Amino acid sequence: MKKNILLIGMPGCGKSSIGKALSKSMDLKYIDMDDYIEKKTGKAISELFEKGEDYFRDIETECAKEISNMENMLISAGGGIILRKENMDFLKKTSTVIFINRSVKNLLKSKNLGANRPLLKDNENHIYKLYNDRIGLYKKYADIEVDNNGYFKNCVEEIMRKIR
């Protein structure tokens, strides 16, 4: 196994909940990339997006490079990490990439889907477009794919089985 595990997937797919549970089960340090970006910049993700998506993505790429040099980490990436090949090039070198797939129907049931997610804030139906635009990239970069359309604990157990 590579020295880190990276969780990718749509906003609301369960990366944070699954990541925290998985990190405890695997004795890995947990890091949420959005939290890392906010601590590094001293600004909320929504504030960074106010300066433009490209501005945010540049910061995200810088942080992806830094995080890729860490060890024994369970990394929960932002939903758009896959939009820049260089992000995934950095992270795939040191991480086993797990795509947490969740149906759009179930994503829309997620609590606070638009909260703290600038690309979904004004139009939750935009999630259909995002899903269709990103699904191919998530699958392309994933070493392992799991569905999270039921209980997240089942997803954690499935990931554990697939990693071992």
Protein backbone atom coordinates (compact mmCIF):
# COMPACT_ATOMS: atom_id res chain seq x y z
CA MET A 1 0.00 0.00 0.00
CA LYS A 2 1.11 3.55 -0.70
CA LYS A 3 1.82 5.75 2.31
CA ASN A 4 -1.48 7.70 2.15
CA ILE A 5 -5.14 7.18 1.28
CA LEU A 6 -6.97 9.83 -0.70
CA LEU A 7 -10.76 10.01 -0.81
CA ILE A 8 -12.31 11.68 -3.85
CA GLY A 9 -15.92 12.20 -4.86
CA MET A 10 -18.74 14.65 -5.22
CA PRO A 11 -19.66 17.17 -2.52
CA GLY A 12 -21.96 15.38 -0.09
CA CYS A 13 -20.77 11.86 -0.97
CA GLY A 14 -19.50 11.22 2.56
CA LYS A 15 -15.76 11.81 2.23
CA SER A 16 -15.47 13.55 5.60
CA SER A 17 -17.58 11.10 7.63
CA ILE A 18 -16.03 8.07 5.96
CA GLY A 19 -12.56 9.57 6.16
CA LYS A 20 -12.73 10.22 9.89
CA ALA A 21 -14.01 6.70 10.62
CA LEU A 22 -11.53 5.09 8.25
CA SER A 23 -8.58 7.03 9.68
CA LYS A 24 -9.39 5.72 13.17
CA SER A 25 -9.76 2.15 11.93
CA MET A 26 -6.48 2.32 10.02
CA ASP A 27 -4.54 4.40 12.57
CA LEU A 28 -3.87 7.17 10.06
CA LYS A 29 -3.89 10.92 10.64
CA TYR A 30 -6.97 12.56 9.11
CA ILE A 31 -6.71 15.70 7.00
CA ASP A 32 -9.52 17.50 5.21
CA MET A 33 -8.05 19.45 2.30
CA ASP A 34 -10.63 22.24 2.57
CA ASP A 35 -9.77 22.70 6.27
CA TYR A 36 -6.07 22.67 5.36
CA ILE A 37 -6.64 25.37 2.72
CA GLU A 38 -8.67 27.50 5.14
CA LYS A 39 -5.99 27.26 7.86
CA LYS A 40 -3.20 28.01 5.38
CA THR A 41 -4.93 31.06 3.88
CA GLY A 42 -6.85 32.25 6.93
CA LYS A 43 -9.94 32.49 4.71
CA ALA A 44 -13.07 30.43 4.20
CA ILE A 45 -13.39 28.47 0.96
CA SER A 46 -16.33 30.69 -0.01
CA GLU A 47 -14.13 33.80 0.41
CA LEU A 48 -11.45 32.29 -1.80
CA PHE A 49 -14.05 31.48 -4.47
CA GLU A 50 -15.16 35.13 -4.42
CA LYS A 51 -11.82 35.90 -6.08
CA GLY A 52 -12.65 33.36 -8.79
CA GLU A 53 -12.57 29.61 -9.18
CA ASP A 54 -9.12 29.73 -10.84
CA TYR A 55 -7.76 31.61 -7.83
CA PHE A 56 -9.10 28.91 -5.51
CA ARG A 57 -7.85 26.08 -7.76
CA ASP A 58 -4.32 27.57 -7.75
CA ILE A 59 -4.29 27.48 -3.94
CA GLU A 60 -5.76 23.96 -3.99
CA THR A 61 -2.95 22.81 -6.31
CA GLU A 62 -0.29 24.31 -4.04
CA CYS A 63 -1.85 22.50 -1.06
CA ALA A 64 -2.17 19.21 -2.99
CA LYS A 65 1.57 19.34 -3.62
CA GLU A 66 2.30 19.98 0.08
CA ILE A 67 -0.06 17.26 1.29
CA SER A 68 1.34 14.73 -1.17
CA ASN A 69 4.66 14.94 0.73
CA MET A 70 3.05 13.92 4.03
CA GLU A 71 2.94 10.33 5.28
CA ASN A 72 0.44 8.10 7.08
CA MET A 73 -2.45 10.36 6.13
CA LEU A 74 -6.09 9.77 5.28
CA ILE A 75 -6.86 12.72 3.00
CA SER A 76 -10.37 13.91 2.23
CA ALA A 77 -10.11 16.00 -0.92
CA GLY A 78 -12.46 18.69 -2.14
CA GLY A 79 -14.87 17.56 -4.84
CA GLY A 80 -13.00 19.42 -7.58
CA ILE A 81 -9.50 18.12 -6.86
CA ILE A 82 -9.72 15.97 -10.01
CA LEU A 83 -10.21 19.00 -12.27
CA ARG A 84 -6.47 19.60 -12.55
CA LYS A 85 -4.34 16.70 -13.69
CA GLU A 86 -1.34 18.05 -11.78
CA ASN A 87 -3.26 17.73 -8.47
CA MET A 88 -3.85 14.07 -9.13
CA ASP A 89 -0.30 13.53 -10.40
CA PHE A 90 1.03 14.84 -7.07
CA LEU A 91 -1.42 12.90 -4.92
CA LYS A 92 -1.41 9.58 -6.82
CA LYS A 93 2.36 9.26 -6.35
CA THR A 94 1.89 8.75 -2.63
CA SER A 95 -1.77 7.83 -2.22
CA THR A 96 -4.14 5.00 -2.91
CA VAL A 97 -7.11 6.84 -4.43
CA ILE A 98 -10.60 5.80 -3.41
CA PHE A 99 -13.60 7.18 -5.26
CA ILE A 100 -16.71 7.34 -3.11
CA ASN A 101 -19.57 7.24 -5.57
CA ARG A 102 -23.04 8.30 -4.50
CA SER A 103 -26.08 8.73 -6.71
CA VAL A 104 -27.25 12.26 -7.45
CA LYS A 105 -30.58 11.34 -5.86
CA ASN A 106 -28.80 10.57 -2.59
CA LEU A 107 -26.45 13.55 -2.91
CA LEU A 108 -29.47 15.82 -3.04
CA LYS A 109 -30.66 14.31 0.26
CA SER A 110 -27.41 15.34 1.97
CA LYS A 111 -27.85 17.84 4.75
CA ASN A 112 -26.54 21.32 3.95
CA LEU A 113 -25.47 20.34 0.44
CA GLY A 114 -25.12 23.97 -0.62
CA ALA A 115 -23.58 25.15 2.65
CA ASN A 116 -19.86 25.88 2.31
CA ARG A 117 -19.92 24.55 -1.25
CA PRO A 118 -19.66 27.61 -3.50
CA LEU A 119 -20.41 25.76 -6.73
CA LEU A 120 -23.72 24.45 -5.36
CA LYS A 121 -24.75 27.38 -3.18
CA ASP A 122 -27.21 29.11 -5.51
CA ASN A 123 -28.47 26.15 -7.51
CA GLU A 124 -28.57 22.66 -6.04
CA ASN A 125 -29.69 21.30 -9.41
CA HIS A 126 -26.25 22.26 -10.68
CA ILE A 127 -25.14 19.03 -9.01
CA TYR A 128 -26.43 17.04 -12.01
CA LYS A 129 -24.10 18.96 -14.33
CA LEU A 130 -21.17 18.66 -11.91
CA TYR A 131 -21.74 14.92 -11.54
CA ASN A 132 -21.90 14.39 -15.30
CA ASP A 133 -18.82 16.57 -15.87
CA ARG A 134 -16.75 14.87 -13.15
CA ILE A 135 -17.78 11.20 -13.03
CA GLY A 136 -15.32 10.20 -15.76
CA LEU A 137 -12.43 11.90 -13.97
CA TYR A 138 -13.29 10.32 -10.63
CA LYS A 139 -13.30 6.89 -12.26
CA LYS A 140 -10.10 7.61 -14.21
CA TYR A 141 -8.07 8.50 -11.13
CA ALA A 142 -9.53 5.94 -8.72
CA ASP A 143 -7.61 2.85 -7.67
CA ILE A 144 -10.73 1.67 -5.82
CA GLU A 145 -14.38 2.65 -6.25
CA VAL A 146 -17.06 2.15 -3.61
CA ASP A 147 -20.73 3.11 -3.52
CA ASN A 148 -22.09 5.12 -0.61
CA ASN A 149 -25.81 4.81 -1.13
CA GLY A 150 -26.60 3.20 2.21
CA TYR A 151 -25.01 3.38 5.62
CA PHE A 152 -21.59 5.01 5.61
CA LYS A 153 -20.30 2.34 8.02
CA ASN A 154 -20.88 -0.25 5.28
CA CYS A 155 -18.79 1.89 2.96
CA VAL A 156 -15.98 2.05 5.54
CA GLU A 157 -16.04 -1.75 5.89
CA GLU A 158 -15.99 -2.19 2.10
CA ILE A 159 -12.98 0.12 1.76
CA MET A 160 -11.16 -1.81 4.49
CA ARG A 161 -11.80 -5.09 2.66
CA LYS A 162 -10.68 -3.71 -0.70
CA ILE A 163 -7.50 -2.15 0.68
CA ARG A 164 -6.41 -5.38 2.35
